[in-house]
């Protein structure tokens, strides 16, 4: 999977699946904000959705939570997803 940002007609941006005609996630204020979020996330946003689904969590809420964290603290990297934590 590979996500990119797709500019909208009103100069905002959405996340897009680069292999298909599918958009998802929040509406960003600009394409540069969308790119900054993807960079901050340090993984493909679609992987967040997949990990949430596999973990039985609502995927939209998982991505929304990360988006809100980025808005509040763009300089602080996100915590790893539970699926990425080592199992004991």
N, C-alpha and C. Protein backbone atom coordinates (compact mmCIF):
# COMPACT_ATOMS: atom_id res chain seq x y z
N UNK A 1 0.84 -1.18 0.00
CA UNK A 1 0.00 0.00 0.00
C UNK A 1 0.88 1.24 0.00
N UNK A 2 0.37 2.27 -0.63
CA UNK A 2 1.11 3.52 -0.67
C UNK A 2 0.13 4.68 -0.70
N UNK A 3 0.28 5.56 0.28
CA UNK A 3 -0.60 6.72 0.37
C UNK A 3 0.13 7.98 -0.06
N UNK A 4 -0.61 8.87 -0.68
CA UNK A 4 -0.10 10.18 -1.05
C UNK A 4 -1.16 11.21 -0.68
N UNK A 5 -0.82 12.46 -0.80
CA UNK A 5 -1.84 13.50 -0.60
C UNK A 5 -2.36 13.93 -1.97
N UNK A 6 -3.63 14.23 -2.00
CA UNK A 6 -4.29 14.63 -3.23
C UNK A 6 -4.88 16.02 -3.00
N UNK A 7 -4.42 17.04 -3.76
CA UNK A 7 -4.97 18.38 -3.57
C UNK A 7 -6.43 18.44 -4.03
N UNK A 8 -7.20 19.25 -3.32
CA UNK A 8 -8.60 19.45 -3.68
C UNK A 8 -8.74 20.76 -4.45
N UNK A 9 -9.91 20.98 -5.02
CA UNK A 9 -10.14 22.19 -5.81
C UNK A 9 -10.02 23.46 -4.96
N UNK A 10 -10.28 23.35 -3.66
CA UNK A 10 -10.21 24.53 -2.79
C UNK A 10 -8.85 24.65 -2.09
N UNK A 11 -7.84 24.00 -2.65
CA UNK A 11 -6.44 24.09 -2.19
C UNK A 11 -6.20 23.41 -0.84
N UNK A 12 -7.12 22.54 -0.43
CA UNK A 12 -6.88 21.71 0.73
C UNK A 12 -6.37 20.37 0.21
N UNK A 13 -6.34 19.34 1.04
CA UNK A 13 -5.84 18.04 0.58
C UNK A 13 -6.47 16.91 1.37
N UNK A 14 -6.49 15.74 0.76
CA UNK A 14 -6.94 14.51 1.39
C UNK A 14 -5.88 13.45 1.17
N UNK A 15 -5.97 12.38 1.94
CA UNK A 15 -5.07 11.25 1.74
C UNK A 15 -5.67 10.37 0.65
N UNK A 16 -4.81 9.81 -0.17
CA UNK A 16 -5.27 9.02 -1.30
C UNK A 16 -4.44 7.75 -1.43
N UNK A 17 -5.10 6.68 -1.84
CA UNK A 17 -4.40 5.45 -2.18
C UNK A 17 -3.85 5.66 -3.58
N UNK A 18 -2.54 5.58 -3.71
CA UNK A 18 -1.91 5.88 -4.99
C UNK A 18 -2.17 4.81 -6.04
N UNK A 19 -2.65 3.63 -5.64
CA UNK A 19 -2.89 2.56 -6.59
C UNK A 19 -4.35 2.48 -7.04
N UNK A 20 -5.21 3.29 -6.46
CA UNK A 20 -6.62 3.23 -6.81
C UNK A 20 -7.32 4.55 -6.59
N UNK A 21 -8.56 4.57 -6.91
CA UNK A 21 -9.37 5.77 -6.75
C UNK A 21 -10.07 5.74 -5.40
N UNK A 22 -9.30 5.96 -4.34
CA UNK A 22 -9.85 5.86 -2.98
C UNK A 22 -9.21 6.93 -2.13
N UNK A 23 -10.01 7.76 -1.48
CA UNK A 23 -9.51 8.76 -0.54
C UNK A 23 -10.03 8.42 0.85
N UNK A 24 -9.31 8.86 1.86
CA UNK A 24 -9.68 8.52 3.23
C UNK A 24 -9.07 9.52 4.18
N UNK A 25 -9.53 9.50 5.42
CA UNK A 25 -8.94 10.32 6.47
C UNK A 25 -9.47 11.74 6.48
N UNK A 26 -8.78 12.59 7.25
CA UNK A 26 -9.22 13.97 7.42
C UNK A 26 -8.97 14.82 6.18
N UNK A 27 -9.61 15.97 6.16
CA UNK A 27 -9.33 16.97 5.13
C UNK A 27 -8.28 17.91 5.72
N UNK A 28 -7.15 18.01 5.06
CA UNK A 28 -6.04 18.84 5.54
C UNK A 28 -6.16 20.25 4.99
N UNK A 29 -5.59 21.20 5.71
CA UNK A 29 -5.65 22.61 5.28
C UNK A 29 -4.89 22.86 3.99
N UNK A 30 -3.88 22.03 3.71
CA UNK A 30 -3.07 22.22 2.50
C UNK A 30 -2.38 20.90 2.16
N UNK A 31 -1.91 20.77 0.92
CA UNK A 31 -1.13 19.59 0.56
C UNK A 31 0.13 19.44 1.41
N UNK A 32 0.73 20.56 1.80
CA UNK A 32 1.94 20.46 2.63
C UNK A 32 1.61 19.93 4.02
N UNK A 33 0.43 20.26 4.56
CA UNK A 33 0.01 19.69 5.85
C UNK A 33 -0.19 18.18 5.73
N UNK A 34 -0.81 17.74 4.65
CA UNK A 34 -1.01 16.30 4.45
C UNK A 34 0.33 15.58 4.36
N UNK A 35 1.27 16.15 3.62
CA UNK A 35 2.60 15.55 3.50
C UNK A 35 3.31 15.54 4.85
N UNK A 36 3.17 16.61 5.61
CA UNK A 36 3.80 16.68 6.94
C UNK A 36 3.21 15.62 7.87
N UNK A 37 1.89 15.38 7.79
CA UNK A 37 1.26 14.35 8.61
C UNK A 37 1.80 12.97 8.25
N UNK A 38 1.89 12.67 6.96
CA UNK A 38 2.42 11.37 6.52
C UNK A 38 3.85 11.21 7.01
N UNK A 39 4.65 12.26 6.90
CA UNK A 39 6.04 12.20 7.36
C UNK A 39 6.09 11.99 8.88
N UNK A 40 5.26 12.72 9.62
CA UNK A 40 5.20 12.60 11.08
C UNK A 40 4.78 11.20 11.49
N UNK A 41 3.82 10.64 10.76
CA UNK A 41 3.30 9.32 11.08
C UNK A 41 4.37 8.24 10.92
N UNK A 42 5.28 8.44 9.99
CA UNK A 42 6.41 7.53 9.74
C UNK A 42 5.96 6.13 9.32
N UNK A 43 4.80 6.04 8.74
CA UNK A 43 4.30 4.80 8.15
C UNK A 43 3.14 5.17 7.24
N UNK A 44 2.74 4.26 6.42
CA UNK A 44 1.63 4.53 5.52
C UNK A 44 0.35 4.64 6.33
N UNK A 45 -0.42 5.72 6.16
CA UNK A 45 -1.68 5.86 6.91
C UNK A 45 -2.62 4.68 6.72
N UNK A 46 -2.58 4.03 5.57
CA UNK A 46 -3.42 2.85 5.35
C UNK A 46 -3.04 1.71 6.29
N UNK A 47 -1.76 1.65 6.69
CA UNK A 47 -1.34 0.63 7.65
C UNK A 47 -1.99 0.85 9.02
N UNK A 48 -2.25 2.11 9.36
CA UNK A 48 -2.96 2.42 10.61
C UNK A 48 -4.37 1.85 10.55
N UNK A 49 -5.04 2.04 9.41
CA UNK A 49 -6.39 1.51 9.25
C UNK A 49 -6.40 -0.01 9.34
N UNK A 50 -5.46 -0.64 8.66
CA UNK A 50 -5.38 -2.11 8.67
C UNK A 50 -5.09 -2.64 10.07
N UNK A 51 -4.14 -2.04 10.77
CA UNK A 51 -3.81 -2.48 12.13
C UNK A 51 -5.01 -2.35 13.05
N UNK A 52 -5.76 -1.27 12.90
CA UNK A 52 -6.95 -1.07 13.74
C UNK A 52 -8.00 -2.15 13.44
N UNK A 53 -8.22 -2.43 12.17
CA UNK A 53 -9.18 -3.47 11.80
C UNK A 53 -8.77 -4.83 12.37
N UNK A 54 -7.50 -5.17 12.23
CA UNK A 54 -7.01 -6.45 12.73
C UNK A 54 -7.08 -6.54 14.25
N UNK A 55 -7.03 -5.38 14.90
CA UNK A 55 -7.07 -5.32 16.37
C UNK A 55 -8.50 -5.16 16.89
N UNK A 56 -9.48 -5.09 15.98
CA UNK A 56 -10.87 -4.95 16.38
C UNK A 56 -11.26 -3.54 16.78
N UNK A 57 -10.46 -2.55 16.38
CA UNK A 57 -10.77 -1.15 16.70
C UNK A 57 -11.34 -0.46 15.46
N UNK A 58 -12.15 0.57 15.65
CA UNK A 58 -12.67 1.32 14.49
C UNK A 58 -11.53 2.03 13.76
N UNK A 59 -11.32 1.76 12.49
CA UNK A 59 -10.17 2.34 11.77
C UNK A 59 -10.22 3.86 11.67
N UNK A 60 -11.40 4.42 11.46
CA UNK A 60 -11.49 5.88 11.35
C UNK A 60 -11.09 6.55 12.65
N UNK A 61 -11.50 5.96 13.77
CA UNK A 61 -11.15 6.54 15.06
C UNK A 61 -9.64 6.46 15.32
N UNK A 62 -9.01 5.39 14.87
CA UNK A 62 -7.56 5.25 15.06
C UNK A 62 -6.82 6.35 14.30
N UNK A 63 -7.19 6.58 13.04
CA UNK A 63 -6.54 7.61 12.25
C UNK A 63 -6.88 9.00 12.78
N UNK A 64 -8.12 9.20 13.20
CA UNK A 64 -8.53 10.49 13.76
C UNK A 64 -7.74 10.82 15.02
N UNK A 65 -7.53 9.83 15.87
CA UNK A 65 -6.76 10.04 17.10
C UNK A 65 -5.33 10.49 16.78
N UNK A 66 -4.72 9.84 15.81
CA UNK A 66 -3.36 10.24 15.41
C UNK A 66 -3.36 11.64 14.78
N UNK A 67 -4.37 11.94 13.99
CA UNK A 67 -4.48 13.26 13.37
C UNK A 67 -4.60 14.35 14.44
N UNK A 68 -5.43 14.11 15.45
CA UNK A 68 -5.58 15.08 16.53
C UNK A 68 -4.28 15.25 17.32
N UNK A 69 -3.55 14.16 17.53
CA UNK A 69 -2.24 14.25 18.20
C UNK A 69 -1.27 15.08 17.38
N UNK A 70 -1.28 14.88 16.06
CA UNK A 70 -0.40 15.65 15.18
C UNK A 70 -0.76 17.13 15.22
N UNK A 71 -2.06 17.44 15.19
CA UNK A 71 -2.46 18.85 15.25
C UNK A 71 -2.00 19.51 16.55
N UNK A 72 -2.10 18.78 17.65
CA UNK A 72 -1.75 19.33 18.95
C UNK A 72 -0.24 19.41 19.16
N UNK A 73 0.50 18.43 18.66
CA UNK A 73 1.95 18.35 18.91
C UNK A 73 2.67 17.81 17.68
N UNK A 74 2.78 18.59 16.60
CA UNK A 74 3.41 18.08 15.39
C UNK A 74 4.90 17.75 15.56
N UNK A 75 5.50 18.25 16.64
CA UNK A 75 6.93 17.99 16.85
C UNK A 75 7.17 16.69 17.62
N UNK A 76 6.12 16.08 18.17
CA UNK A 76 6.26 14.86 18.97
C UNK A 76 5.84 13.67 18.12
N UNK A 77 6.74 12.71 17.87
CA UNK A 77 6.36 11.55 17.05
C UNK A 77 5.30 10.70 17.74
N UNK A 78 4.50 9.99 16.95
CA UNK A 78 3.44 9.17 17.54
C UNK A 78 4.01 7.94 18.25
N UNK A 79 3.24 7.42 19.19
CA UNK A 79 3.60 6.16 19.82
C UNK A 79 3.38 5.04 18.82
N UNK A 80 4.15 3.96 18.92
CA UNK A 80 3.92 2.84 17.99
C UNK A 80 2.52 2.27 18.19
N UNK A 81 1.98 1.77 17.11
CA UNK A 81 0.69 1.11 17.18
C UNK A 81 0.82 -0.16 18.00
N UNK A 82 -0.26 -0.54 18.67
CA UNK A 82 -0.21 -1.75 19.51
C UNK A 82 0.24 -2.96 18.73
N UNK A 83 -0.12 -3.04 17.45
CA UNK A 83 0.28 -4.18 16.64
C UNK A 83 1.79 -4.22 16.42
N UNK A 84 2.46 -3.08 16.58
CA UNK A 84 3.90 -3.02 16.35
C UNK A 84 4.71 -3.24 17.61
N UNK A 85 4.05 -3.26 18.78
CA UNK A 85 4.78 -3.45 20.02
C UNK A 85 5.19 -4.90 20.17
N UNK A 86 6.36 -5.17 20.76
CA UNK A 86 6.78 -6.57 20.94
C UNK A 86 5.83 -7.29 21.89
N UNK A 87 5.57 -8.54 21.58
CA UNK A 87 4.69 -9.35 22.42
C UNK A 87 5.52 -9.99 23.51
N UNK A 88 4.96 -10.02 24.72
CA UNK A 88 5.67 -10.63 25.85
C UNK A 88 5.27 -12.05 26.05
